[in-house]
Amino acid sequence: MRIGHGTTSEAVEHLSRKVSIRQAKHQCLERRIGALGRRVVCCGERAHLIRASLRYASRKYRAPLAKDLRTIYTADEAAAAAALEDLAAAWGDRYPAIIRLWRVHWAEFTPFLAFPPEVRRVIYSTSLIESMNARLRKVTRNRGQFPSEQAALKVLYLAVRNLEEFRGRSVGIRSSGWKQAQQAFTIYFDGRIPTP
């Protein structure tokens, strides 16, 4: 909540405006990729939703609240909806903003629940992708200008190739459980992932 919001209703109204803008961006992205003839699933990042929820909770109640939130994001869609209602019954009086946050973001969150657990472990956070994008931005920013598009692509290729050396072999350039997730992706997105 920003400084200057006098009441909780003003803070909730501000949050609702931000969410409607984000949902419009997701819908636009889905339409554009769908126009290319690709099947796309856009879902909000679970880690951000949990972090935003715990931001409202006092330190005393964070652990039990996190335990109740876990029942939502580890279940399938029907069980998650029931767990959200249980969360509302248990925590709705104390933290109505958290319940509102989950209900407002529910449409963005539920596509995540359609994936099998192997895939969920890989895509629960975009930190790996954000890290790689930061590295690519750094190498292009340091070069300034490129004589051709081919030169820019070569620099980006070399940066991706050298990510393992940059981070070290034991630091996360790979996600744990990737092989199981790759198998699940091959089944879920049939025909989209090349197989030998």
Foldseek 3Di string as FASTA:
>chain_A
DDPPQDDPVSVLVVVLVVLVVVVVVVVVVCVVVVVVVDDDQAADAQVVLLVVLLVQPDPVCSVVLVVLQVQQLVAADVSNVVSLVVSCVVCVVPCVSSSSSCVSRVVRHNVLRVAPPLQCQVRNDCVLVVVLVVQLVVQCVVVPDDPDPVRNVVSNVVSVVCPCVVQDVVDPNDGPSVVVNVVSCCVVRPPPDDDD
